[in-house]
Amino acid sequence: MRFPIHALYFMRFIFLQATPLKKSGYLLSAILLIACQPTSPTEAVSSENNEAVDIPLISADSVTITPDHILSIKPTRYQPSLGLQGRIEPIKQINLIAAQPLKVEQVLVSENQWVKKGTPLLIVRRQAPSNKVISPDKSDSYETDISLNTIDSSNNKVTDSANTNQISTLNGKSNATAPKARSTPSNNLITLRASFSGRVKNLSAQVGQEIDAQTSLLTLSDEKQLHFVSTLPIEAESQISVGQTVNFTAEDRVDKFTGQVSKVQNIKQPIQLLVYVNVVNNEVSRNQIASGMQVTGRVDYGQIEVGTVVPKNALHNVNLTQIQVPPYKPLRSLRADIWIIGQDQRLTRQSVEVIEYYPLTKQYLIAGISNDSLICLANLPIESKGKKVVVS
């Protein structure tokens, strides 16, 4: 038995638009029309991969399919969101690097030691004459903020400062200033002090050690204030802003955590956005989140939108593996192709966005098609585009 495709559109219209009927004659007609409706998507599939059993017949100008190959749109509301991924790092972190040859006279701290702001870290001696940042007065010693080489976190290239009296480097991860130095001009001794409270890591300096320029001495980081940095395509610039809430998960952790967008930076090589997300410091995060952890999260944007749910065999030219694991949403925009039956009864191939995977039903939420469309579930060759659909 064959159904003209326009009859299917009419039956779908009756099914979705019908209002309470006052006359039994109309009621009987509506029941007969609904009885001719295509089988629901759940009933239309019989295998584990949701593939229709019947094979379409393709001729020079037409494609013959069964009602099981036709899926009506069922609108589903969803909240648009962006995926973010990064590694937890301290917000404040500096890496001390010698900018000239030095000799270590004293090491005043130990590995993993927590120090307060102003705590002496190292006493070093200059091995060669250098220009002075601040001319000494008549006193025996003076205190000065050591200038910084800055490392661009996007490409890790060191940008040299014009001043040669430098013995520390900022790691490009915060606006923290370098440790203060107390220097005695007569003997070129410099005392490095912590510019903020933090933990000493990667301590390589040893008493009596002679250090070449560009040698790392230690790292100081505040592990109580954490963040992660994620990248987004430049097209997402209008969808992300400072202050937005980010819900994220961490590797080997069951709980969900909360962060907040603190900075959005537009970079040019490559053209993309850097999104900085501060971890909300609460009891849950304090006990579980640590530096070095890989995290994945999402940030909602915009208004509620409408998509539709389809089985796997409706989607073509896409690898769906990445969203078949939690959180069941793609980190980046995931595109797929579907076959649409137009009101002129002809097939068109349309690109859609895959929004989410539903593991219980093994179906997918997609966006990008109109609510009055009919989706063809048949696996058709690309040459089927533009051919007329016949339902048998």
Protein backbone atom coordinates (compact mmCIF):
# COMPACT_ATOMS: atom_id res chain seq x y z
CA MET A 1 0.00 0.00 0.00
CA ARG A 2 1.41 3.44 -0.93
CA PHE A 3 0.83 6.74 0.89
CA PRO A 4 1.39 10.02 -0.97
CA ILE A 5 3.89 12.06 1.00
CA HIS A 6 1.49 15.03 1.20
CA ALA A 7 -0.99 12.74 2.97
CA LEU A 8 1.60 12.08 5.67
CA TYR A 9 2.01 15.82 6.21
CA PHE A 10 -1.78 16.15 6.43
CA MET A 11 -2.09 13.29 8.91
CA ARG A 12 0.71 14.81 11.03
CA PHE A 13 -1.13 18.14 10.98
CA ILE A 14 -4.33 16.51 12.22
CA PHE A 15 -2.45 14.66 14.94
CA LEU A 16 -0.66 17.75 16.28
CA GLN A 17 -3.35 20.36 15.69
CA ALA A 18 -6.58 18.50 16.51
CA THR A 19 -8.95 20.19 18.99
CA PRO A 20 -11.86 18.62 20.88
CA LEU A 21 -14.45 17.42 18.29
CA LYS A 22 -18.11 17.94 18.85
CA LYS A 23 -19.45 15.58 16.22
CA SER A 24 -18.89 11.85 16.18
CA GLY A 25 -18.41 11.89 12.41
CA TYR A 26 -15.32 14.10 12.75
CA LEU A 27 -14.06 11.96 15.59
CA LEU A 28 -14.31 8.81 13.49
CA SER A 29 -12.47 10.48 10.60
CA ALA A 30 -9.68 11.66 12.87
CA ILE A 31 -9.29 8.16 14.34
CA LEU A 32 -9.01 6.65 10.85
CA LEU A 33 -6.38 9.21 9.87
CA ILE A 34 -4.38 8.64 13.03
CA ALA A 35 -4.53 4.90 12.39
CA CYS A 36 -2.63 5.55 9.17
CA GLN A 37 0.12 7.47 11.00
CA PRO A 38 3.68 6.15 10.60
CA THR A 39 4.93 3.98 13.42
CA SER A 40 6.53 5.95 16.27
CA PRO A 41 10.34 6.21 16.30
CA THR A 42 10.54 3.76 19.19
CA GLU A 43 8.47 1.15 17.35
CA ALA A 44 10.15 1.81 14.03
CA VAL A 45 13.47 0.42 15.14
CA SER A 46 14.23 -3.13 16.03
CA SER A 47 17.99 -3.47 16.34
CA GLU A 48 20.43 -2.29 18.99
CA ASN A 49 21.65 0.51 16.71
CA ASN A 50 18.13 1.79 16.00
CA GLU A 51 18.24 0.91 12.30
CA ALA A 52 15.08 0.36 10.29
CA VAL A 53 14.75 -3.14 8.88
CA ASP A 54 13.36 -2.38 5.41
CA ILE A 55 15.79 -1.32 2.68
CA PRO A 56 14.73 1.66 0.51
CA LEU A 57 14.37 1.21 -3.25
CA ILE A 58 16.21 3.84 -5.26
CA SER A 59 15.41 4.61 -8.90
CA ALA A 60 16.57 7.33 -11.25
CA ASP A 61 14.08 9.92 -9.98
CA SER A 62 12.58 8.53 -6.78
CA VAL A 63 13.27 6.80 -3.48
CA THR A 64 10.70 4.32 -2.16
CA ILE A 65 10.66 3.96 1.62
CA THR A 66 8.33 2.57 4.28
CA PRO A 67 6.53 4.54 7.01
CA ASP A 68 9.14 3.16 9.43
CA HIS A 69 11.72 5.35 7.70
CA ILE A 70 9.81 8.57 8.48
CA LEU A 71 10.19 10.48 11.74
CA SER A 72 8.08 13.48 12.68
CA ILE A 73 9.64 16.29 14.67
CA LYS A 74 8.98 16.18 18.42
CA PRO A 75 10.07 19.55 19.87
CA THR A 76 12.33 19.29 22.93
CA ARG A 77 13.46 22.29 24.98
CA TYR A 78 17.08 22.63 26.05
CA GLN A 79 19.50 25.16 27.55
CA PRO A 80 22.42 26.10 25.24
CA SER A 81 25.84 25.72 26.86
CA LEU A 82 29.56 25.75 26.07
CA GLY A 83 32.07 23.09 27.07
CA LEU A 84 35.20 24.11 28.98
CA GLN A 85 38.25 21.98 29.77
CA GLY A 86 41.52 22.72 31.48
CA ARG A 87 43.98 21.86 34.23
CA ILE A 88 43.79 23.24 37.76
CA GLU A 89 46.53 25.74 38.59
CA PRO A 90 47.17 28.25 41.37
CA ILE A 91 45.98 31.75 40.50
CA LYS A 92 49.11 33.20 42.12
CA GLN A 93 52.31 31.50 41.03
CA ILE A 94 55.79 32.80 40.30
CA ASN A 95 58.86 30.98 39.06
CA LEU A 96 62.12 32.53 40.22
CA ILE A 97 64.76 32.47 37.46
CA ALA A 98 68.22 33.97 37.63
CA ALA A 99 68.70 36.65 34.99
CA GLN A 100 72.47 36.77 35.62
CA PRO A 101 75.11 34.48 37.18
CA LEU A 102 74.59 34.06 40.94
CA LYS A 103 76.03 32.19 43.88
CA VAL A 104 73.66 30.81 46.52
CA GLU A 105 74.84 31.88 49.98
CA GLN A 106 71.87 30.65 52.07
CA VAL A 107 68.70 28.62 51.49
CA LEU A 108 66.18 29.72 54.13
CA VAL A 109 63.22 27.50 53.16
CA SER A 110 62.57 23.85 52.31
CA GLU A 111 60.56 22.01 49.65
CA ASN A 112 56.77 22.09 50.24
CA GLN A 113 57.14 24.65 53.04
CA TRP A 114 54.26 27.12 53.43
CA VAL A 115 55.59 30.66 53.87
CA LYS A 116 53.93 33.95 54.68
CA LYS A 117 54.30 37.14 52.71
CA GLY A 118 57.68 38.75 53.39
CA THR A 119 59.40 35.53 54.51
CA PRO A 120 63.09 35.36 53.42
CA LEU A 121 63.58 32.62 50.82
CA LEU A 122 67.16 32.81 49.56
CA ILE A 123 70.29 34.90 49.97
CA VAL A 124 72.33 35.08 46.77
CA ARG A 125 75.45 36.92 45.60
CA ARG A 126 75.91 38.55 42.21
CA GLN A 127 78.78 36.98 40.27
CA ALA A 128 79.22 39.89 37.84
CA PRO A 129 78.69 43.67 38.02
CA SER A 130 75.27 44.88 36.91
CA ASN A 131 73.29 48.08 36.65
CA LYS A 132 71.43 48.98 39.82
CA VAL A 133 67.70 49.52 39.87
CA ILE A 134 67.83 51.96 42.76
CA SER A 135 70.96 53.80 43.80
CA PRO A 136 71.95 52.98 47.38
CA ASP A 137 71.73 55.63 50.04
CA LYS A 138 74.13 56.06 52.94
CA SER A 139 72.72 53.11 54.85
CA ASP A 140 74.33 49.67 54.79
CA SER A 141 71.50 48.05 52.81
CA TYR A 142 68.43 48.91 50.81
CA GLU A 143 65.21 47.21 49.67
CA THR A 144 63.88 47.14 46.10
CA ASP A 145 61.27 45.37 44.03
CA ILE A 146 63.10 43.21 41.51
CA SER A 147 61.99 43.76 37.93
CA LEU A 148 60.47 40.87 36.05
CA ASN A 149 60.98 38.99 32.85
CA THR A 150 57.48 38.01 31.71
CA ILE A 151 56.62 34.68 30.16
CA ASP A 152 53.65 34.70 27.80
CA SER A 153 51.51 31.71 28.85
CA SER A 154 50.29 31.24 25.30
CA ASN A 155 53.71 30.58 23.78
CA ASN A 156 56.15 30.35 26.75
CA LYS A 157 58.55 32.87 25.17
CA VAL A 158 60.54 35.04 27.56
CA THR A 159 60.27 38.78 26.94
CA ASP A 160 63.39 40.50 28.29
CA SER A 161 63.01 43.60 30.39
CA ALA A 162 65.28 46.57 29.66
CA ASN A 163 66.79 46.35 33.13
CA THR A 164 69.68 43.94 33.73
CA ASN A 165 69.24 43.77 37.52
CA GLN A 166 66.75 40.86 37.34
CA ILE A 167 66.78 37.55 39.14
CA SER A 168 63.17 36.39 38.95
CA THR A 169 60.51 35.56 36.40
CA LEU A 170 56.74 35.74 36.61
CA ASN A 171 55.14 32.60 35.23
CA GLY A 172 52.51 34.52 33.26
CA LYS A 173 49.69 33.01 35.38
CA SER A 174 48.90 35.89 37.69
CA ASN A 175 49.46 39.55 38.34
CA ALA A 176 51.64 38.70 41.34
CA THR A 177 54.79 40.74 41.82
CA ALA A 178 58.21 39.23 42.30
CA PRO A 179 59.79 38.71 45.73
CA LYS A 180 61.40 41.75 47.27
CA ALA A 181 65.17 41.86 47.52
CA ARG A 182 67.30 43.36 50.25
CA SER A 183 70.74 44.11 48.88
CA THR A 184 74.01 45.25 50.44
CA PRO A 185 75.88 47.22 47.74
CA SER A 186 79.36 46.48 49.08
CA ASN A 187 79.14 42.73 48.71
CA ASN A 188 76.34 42.29 46.14
CA LEU A 189 74.25 40.13 48.47
CA ILE A 190 70.52 39.94 47.73
CA THR A 191 67.83 38.53 50.03
CA LEU A 192 64.77 37.26 48.20
CA ARG A 193 61.49 37.49 50.13
CA ALA A 194 58.06 36.04 49.35
CA SER A 195 55.81 38.66 47.74
CA PHE A 196 52.70 36.71 48.81
CA SER A 197 51.85 33.77 51.05
CA GLY A 198 52.30 30.43 49.31
CA ARG A 199 54.02 27.06 49.12
CA VAL A 200 57.60 26.52 47.98
CA LYS A 201 57.92 24.05 45.10
CA ASN A 202 60.69 22.90 42.76
CA LEU A 203 63.42 24.17 45.07
CA SER A 204 66.66 23.55 43.19
CA ALA A 205 68.99 26.09 44.82
CA GLN A 206 71.66 24.69 47.19
CA VAL A 207 74.11 26.46 49.47
CA GLY A 208 77.37 27.24 47.66
CA GLN A 209 75.87 26.52 44.25
CA GLU A 210 76.97 28.76 41.37
CA ILE A 211 74.05 29.38 39.05
CA ASP A 212 74.07 30.37 35.41
CA ALA A 213 71.68 32.93 33.97
CA GLN A 214 68.16 31.64 33.15
CA THR A 215 68.40 28.90 35.81
CA SER A 216 65.25 28.25 37.84
CA LEU A 217 65.65 28.66 41.61
CA LEU A 218 62.20 27.82 43.02
CA THR A 219 58.48 28.20 42.45
CA LEU A 220 56.11 29.92 44.89
CA SER A 221 52.39 29.25 44.55
CA ASP A 222 49.24 29.90 46.57
CA GLU A 223 47.30 26.62 46.42
CA LYS A 224 44.35 28.07 48.33
CA GLN A 225 43.26 30.07 45.28
CA LEU A 226 42.86 27.90 42.18
CA HIS A 227 41.64 28.30 38.63
CA PHE A 228 41.77 26.66 35.22
CA VAL A 229 42.12 28.10 31.74
CA SER A 230 40.13 26.83 28.75
CA THR A 231 40.08 27.74 25.06
CA LEU A 232 37.01 28.48 22.97
CA PRO A 233 36.57 29.34 19.29
CA ILE A 234 36.42 33.07 18.64
CA GLU A 235 32.78 32.65 17.51
CA ALA A 236 31.82 32.06 21.17
CA GLU A 237 32.90 35.57 22.22
CA SER A 238 29.32 36.85 22.42
CA GLN A 239 28.24 33.86 24.51
CA ILE A 240 30.80 34.05 27.31
CA SER A 241 31.36 36.85 29.84
CA VAL A 242 32.94 37.53 33.21
CA GLY A 243 30.79 36.42 36.13
CA GLN A 244 29.10 33.43 34.49
CA THR A 245 28.82 30.28 36.62
CA VAL A 246 30.66 27.16 35.48
CA ASN A 247 29.73 23.70 36.75
CA PHE A 248 32.57 21.21 36.35
CA THR A 249 33.81 17.76 37.27
CA ALA A 250 37.36 16.62 38.03
CA GLU A 251 39.19 13.42 37.20
CA ASP A 252 38.71 10.65 39.78
CA ARG A 253 36.11 12.71 41.65
CA VAL A 254 32.39 11.96 41.99
CA ASP A 255 31.20 15.36 43.21
CA LYS A 256 30.43 18.31 40.99
CA PHE A 257 32.17 21.63 41.59
CA THR A 258 31.46 25.28 40.89
CA GLY A 259 33.58 27.97 39.28
CA GLN A 260 33.14 31.48 37.95
CA VAL A 261 34.48 33.10 34.79
CA SER A 262 37.03 35.70 35.95
CA LYS A 263 38.57 36.76 32.63
CA VAL A 264 38.02 36.34 28.89
CA GLN A 265 41.03 37.06 26.70
CA ASN A 266 41.11 37.32 22.92
CA ILE A 267 44.37 36.00 21.46
CA LYS A 268 45.53 36.17 17.86
CA GLN A 269 47.89 33.21 17.33
CA PRO A 270 45.90 31.09 16.94
CA ILE A 271 42.70 33.14 16.87
CA GLN A 272 40.70 31.93 19.86
CA LEU A 273 39.46 32.87 23.32
CA LEU A 274 41.16 32.09 26.62
CA VAL A 275 38.59 31.68 29.39
CA TYR A 276 39.84 31.88 32.99
CA VAL A 277 37.62 30.13 35.55
CA ASN A 278 38.21 30.63 39.28
CA VAL A 279 37.29 27.68 41.50
CA VAL A 280 34.71 28.67 44.12
CA ASN A 281 36.47 28.07 47.44
CA ASN A 282 34.01 26.05 49.54
CA GLU A 283 34.13 22.93 51.68
CA VAL A 284 33.62 20.58 48.72
CA SER A 285 36.35 22.05 46.53
CA ARG A 286 38.77 22.66 49.41
CA ASN A 287 38.88 18.98 50.31
CA GLN A 288 39.02 17.54 46.78
CA ILE A 289 40.37 19.95 44.16
CA ALA A 290 44.15 20.15 43.84
CA SER A 291 46.66 21.66 41.43
CA GLY A 292 47.31 19.53 38.35
CA MET A 293 43.84 17.98 38.10
CA GLN A 294 42.17 17.81 34.68
CA VAL A 295 38.63 19.25 34.80
CA THR A 296 35.70 19.45 32.37
CA GLY A 297 32.76 21.81 32.76
CA ARG A 298 29.96 23.70 31.06
CA VAL A 299 28.67 27.25 31.16
CA ASP A 300 25.08 28.07 30.17
CA TYR A 301 24.29 31.01 27.92
CA GLY A 302 21.31 32.61 26.18
CA GLN A 303 17.65 31.61 26.31
CA ILE A 304 15.96 28.21 26.24
CA GLU A 305 15.94 26.83 22.69
CA VAL A 306 14.06 24.02 20.94
CA GLY A 307 15.52 20.92 19.29
CA THR A 308 14.34 17.42 18.48
CA VAL A 309 15.34 13.89 19.52
CA VAL A 310 16.41 11.39 16.85
CA PRO A 311 17.82 7.83 16.78
CA LYS A 312 21.41 7.19 15.78
CA ASN A 313 20.59 6.11 12.24
CA ALA A 314 19.16 9.57 11.47
CA LEU A 315 22.66 11.06 11.74
CA HIS A 316 25.34 10.79 9.07
CA ASN A 317 28.97 11.88 8.60
CA VAL A 318 29.67 12.20 12.33
CA ASN A 319 31.62 10.38 15.02
CA LEU A 320 29.35 10.14 18.05
CA THR A 321 31.78 8.27 20.30
CA GLN A 322 32.90 11.39 22.18
CA ILE A 323 29.43 12.13 23.59
CA GLN A 324 28.54 8.57 24.54
CA VAL A 325 30.35 9.04 27.86
CA PRO A 326 29.55 11.52 30.68
CA PRO A 327 28.68 14.35 30.57
CA TYR A 328 27.08 13.20 27.25
CA LYS A 329 27.60 16.60 25.63
CA PRO A 330 30.30 17.61 23.13
CA LEU A 331 33.12 19.85 24.29
CA ARG A 332 33.03 21.65 20.94
CA SER A 333 30.26 22.10 18.36
CA LEU A 334 29.49 18.68 16.83
CA ARG A 335 27.97 18.73 13.34
CA ALA A 336 26.11 15.94 11.53
CA ASP A 337 24.00 15.52 8.37
CA ILE A 338 20.40 14.33 8.20
CA TRP A 339 17.93 13.64 5.38
CA ILE A 340 14.88 15.92 5.31
CA ILE A 341 11.71 15.26 3.30
CA GLY A 342 10.48 18.63 2.07
CA GLN A 343 6.87 19.59 1.44
CA ASP A 344 7.63 19.18 -2.25
CA GLN A 345 8.17 15.47 -1.43
CA ARG A 346 11.87 15.66 -2.32
CA LEU A 347 14.92 14.81 -0.26
CA THR A 348 17.39 17.40 1.00
CA ARG A 349 20.54 16.83 3.06
CA GLN A 350 20.86 19.27 5.94
CA SER A 351 23.57 20.01 8.50
CA VAL A 352 22.51 19.98 12.17
CA GLU A 353 24.23 20.37 15.54
CA VAL A 354 24.29 17.43 17.94
CA ILE A 355 23.55 18.81 21.41
CA GLU A 356 23.34 15.82 23.76
CA TYR A 357 23.20 12.03 24.03
CA TYR A 358 20.49 10.26 26.06
CA PRO A 359 22.04 6.96 27.24
CA LEU A 360 18.77 5.46 28.50
CA THR A 361 17.06 5.70 25.12
CA LYS A 362 20.26 5.74 23.01
CA GLN A 363 18.96 8.77 21.16
CA TYR A 364 20.38 12.20 20.38
CA LEU A 365 19.13 15.75 20.82
CA ILE A 366 19.81 17.85 17.73
CA ALA A 367 19.18 21.45 16.71
CA GLY A 368 18.97 23.23 13.39
CA ILE A 369 15.79 21.98 11.69
CA SER A 370 12.30 23.46 11.56
CA ASN A 371 9.41 21.94 13.48
CA ASP A 372 7.39 21.25 10.32
CA SER A 373 10.04 18.95 8.83
CA LEU A 374 9.94 15.20 8.30
CA ILE A 375 13.18 13.27 8.89
CA CYS A 376 14.10 10.31 6.72
CA LEU A 377 15.81 7.55 8.74
CA ALA A 378 16.90 5.54 5.71
CA ASN A 379 20.62 5.21 5.02
CA LEU A 380 20.71 6.76 1.55
CA PRO A 381 23.59 7.50 -0.81
CA ILE A 382 24.42 11.14 -1.42
CA GLU A 383 23.00 10.81 -4.95
CA SER A 384 19.50 10.61 -3.39
CA LYS A 385 19.49 14.37 -2.89
CA GLY A 386 16.63 15.99 -4.82
CA LYS A 387 14.81 12.72 -5.57
CA LYS A 388 11.11 12.33 -4.92
CA VAL A 389 9.99 10.24 -1.94
CA VAL A 390 7.39 7.50 -2.37
CA VAL A 391 6.03 5.80 0.75
CA SER A 392 5.04 2.17 0.34
